[in-house]
Amino acid sequence: MGLIQEYWHQIIFLGVVIIMFTKLREQTAELTKDVEEIRKRELFAKHVELKSEVTLLKKQVSALWNFCNKIRDRQ
């Protein structure tokens, strides 16, 4: 009992440190998951943007070929 009375503040400090460490570890894991989700969303958004650009370019190339074919057919 005398040991607890003598070192009670160190015991409480260690308990608080352990609790804070556990909470910080949980928050870090949660933030890591959030960052991964944000990166996935950004990657998906870039993918969608690039896909629409490719579709637009395909349409433009097709229109150019149609134009070239019309010019060739006129001659």
C-alpha atoms as a PDB file:
ATOM      1  CA  MET A   1       0.000   0.000   0.000  1.00  0.00           C
ATOM      2  CA  GLY A   2       2.868   2.337   0.774  1.00  0.00           C
ATOM      3  CA  LEU A   3       4.237   1.721  -2.736  1.00  0.00           C
ATOM      4  CA  ILE A   4       0.985   2.909  -4.327  1.00  0.00           C
ATOM      5  CA  GLN A   5       0.837   5.981  -2.073  1.00  0.00           C
ATOM      6  CA  GLU A   6       4.439   6.811  -2.908  1.00  0.00           C
ATOM      7  CA  TYR A   7       4.203   6.386  -6.673  1.00  0.00           C
ATOM      8  CA  TRP A   8       0.535   7.202  -7.378  1.00  0.00           C
ATOM      9  CA  HIS A   9       1.333  10.141  -9.660  1.00  0.00           C
ATOM     10  CA  GLN A  10       3.652   8.009 -11.846  1.00  0.00           C
ATOM     11  CA  ILE A  11       1.033   5.263 -12.049  1.00  0.00           C
ATOM     12  CA  ILE A  12      -1.648   7.758 -13.106  1.00  0.00           C
ATOM     13  CA  PHE A  13       0.761   9.342 -15.599  1.00  0.00           C
ATOM     14  CA  LEU A  14       1.521   5.944 -17.155  1.00  0.00           C
ATOM     15  CA  GLY A  15      -2.199   5.143 -17.340  1.00  0.00           C
ATOM     16  CA  VAL A  16      -2.928   8.448 -19.071  1.00  0.00           C
ATOM     17  CA  VAL A  17      -0.012   7.919 -21.484  1.00  0.00           C
ATOM     18  CA  ILE A  18      -1.275   4.444 -22.380  1.00  0.00           C
ATOM     19  CA  ILE A  19      -4.804   5.748 -22.965  1.00  0.00           C
ATOM     20  CA  MET A  20      -3.546   8.666 -25.090  1.00  0.00           C
ATOM     21  CA  PHE A  21      -1.282   6.360 -27.091  1.00  0.00           C
ATOM     22  CA  THR A  22      -4.179   4.018 -27.798  1.00  0.00           C
ATOM     23  CA  LYS A  23      -6.458   6.878 -28.893  1.00  0.00           C
ATOM     24  CA  LEU A  24      -3.746   8.363 -31.101  1.00  0.00           C
ATOM     25  CA  ARG A  25      -3.103   4.992 -32.722  1.00  0.00           C
ATOM     26  CA  GLU A  26      -6.812   4.580 -33.458  1.00  0.00           C
ATOM     27  CA  GLN A  27      -7.042   8.100 -34.885  1.00  0.00           C
ATOM     28  CA  THR A  28      -3.960   7.521 -37.017  1.00  0.00           C
ATOM     29  CA  ALA A  29      -5.442   4.325 -38.433  1.00  0.00           C
ATOM     30  CA  GLU A  30      -8.713   6.127 -39.130  1.00  0.00           C
ATOM     31  CA  LEU A  31      -6.959   9.029 -40.860  1.00  0.00           C
ATOM     32  CA  THR A  32      -4.897   6.618 -42.926  1.00  0.00           C
ATOM     33  CA  LYS A  33      -8.101   4.966 -44.152  1.00  0.00           C
ATOM     34  CA  ASP A  34      -9.566   8.399 -44.959  1.00  0.00           C
ATOM     35  CA  VAL A  35      -6.475   9.369 -46.949  1.00  0.00           C
ATOM     36  CA  GLU A  36      -6.633   6.107 -48.902  1.00  0.00           C
ATOM     37  CA  GLU A  37     -10.315   6.704 -49.666  1.00  0.00           C
ATOM     38  CA  ILE A  38      -9.598  10.255 -50.842  1.00  0.00           C
ATOM     39  CA  ARG A  39      -6.804   8.998 -53.090  1.00  0.00           C
ATOM     40  CA  LYS A  40      -9.132   6.377 -54.563  1.00  0.00           C
ATOM     41  CA  ARG A  41     -11.770   9.039 -55.235  1.00  0.00           C
ATOM     42  CA  GLU A  42      -9.206  11.332 -56.859  1.00  0.00           C
ATOM     43  CA  LEU A  43      -7.945   8.455 -58.981  1.00  0.00           C
ATOM     44  CA  PHE A  44     -11.510   7.575 -59.990  1.00  0.00           C
ATOM     45  CA  ALA A  45     -12.230  11.213 -60.862  1.00  0.00           C
ATOM     46  CA  LYS A  46      -9.096  11.379 -63.015  1.00  0.00           C
ATOM     47  CA  HIS A  47     -10.074   8.098 -64.663  1.00  0.00           C
ATOM     48  CA  VAL A  48     -13.533   9.422 -65.520  1.00  0.00           C
ATOM     49  CA  GLU A  49     -12.043  12.670 -66.825  1.00  0.00           C
ATOM     50  CA  LEU A  50      -9.525  10.836 -69.002  1.00  0.00           C
ATOM     51  CA  LYS A  51     -12.199   8.477 -70.277  1.00  0.00           C
ATOM     52  CA  SER A  52     -14.362  11.408 -71.376  1.00  0.00           C
ATOM     53  CA  GLU A  53     -11.344  13.017 -73.058  1.00  0.00           C
ATOM     54  CA  VAL A  54     -10.587   9.796 -74.936  1.00  0.00           C
ATOM     55  CA  THR A  55     -14.204   9.545 -76.060  1.00  0.00           C
ATOM     56  CA  LEU A  56     -14.103  13.143 -77.272  1.00  0.00           C
ATOM     57  CA  LEU A  57     -10.842  12.530 -79.143  1.00  0.00           C
ATOM     58  CA  LYS A  58     -12.283   9.415 -80.783  1.00  0.00           C
ATOM     59  CA  LYS A  59     -15.267  11.429 -81.987  1.00  0.00           C
ATOM     60  CA  GLN A  60     -12.987  14.148 -83.331  1.00  0.00           C
ATOM     61  CA  VAL A  61     -10.781  11.633 -85.157  1.00  0.00           C
ATOM     62  CA  SER A  62     -13.868   9.991 -86.603  1.00  0.00           C
ATOM     63  CA  ALA A  63     -15.154  13.377 -87.784  1.00  0.00           C
ATOM     64  CA  LEU A  64     -11.793  14.128 -89.397  1.00  0.00           C
ATOM     65  CA  TRP A  65     -11.820  10.805 -91.244  1.00  0.00           C
ATOM     66  CA  ASN A  66     -15.365  11.449 -92.410  1.00  0.00           C
ATOM     67  CA  PHE A  67     -14.297  14.875 -93.634  1.00  0.00           C
ATOM     68  CA  CYS A  68     -11.277  13.395 -95.451  1.00  0.00           C
ATOM     69  CA  ASN A  69     -13.479  10.736 -97.017  1.00  0.00           C
ATOM     70  CA  LYS A  70     -15.979  13.364 -98.230  1.00  0.00           C
ATOM     71  CA  ILE A  71     -13.177  15.404 -99.797  1.00  0.00           C
ATOM     72  CA  ARG A  72     -11.786  12.278-101.485  1.00  0.00           C
ATOM     73  CA  ASP A  73     -15.234  11.300-102.761  1.00  0.00           C
ATOM     74  CA  ARG A  74     -15.756  14.768-104.317  1.00  0.00           C
ATOM     75  CA  GLN A  75     -12.682  14.390-106.504  1.00  0.00           C
END
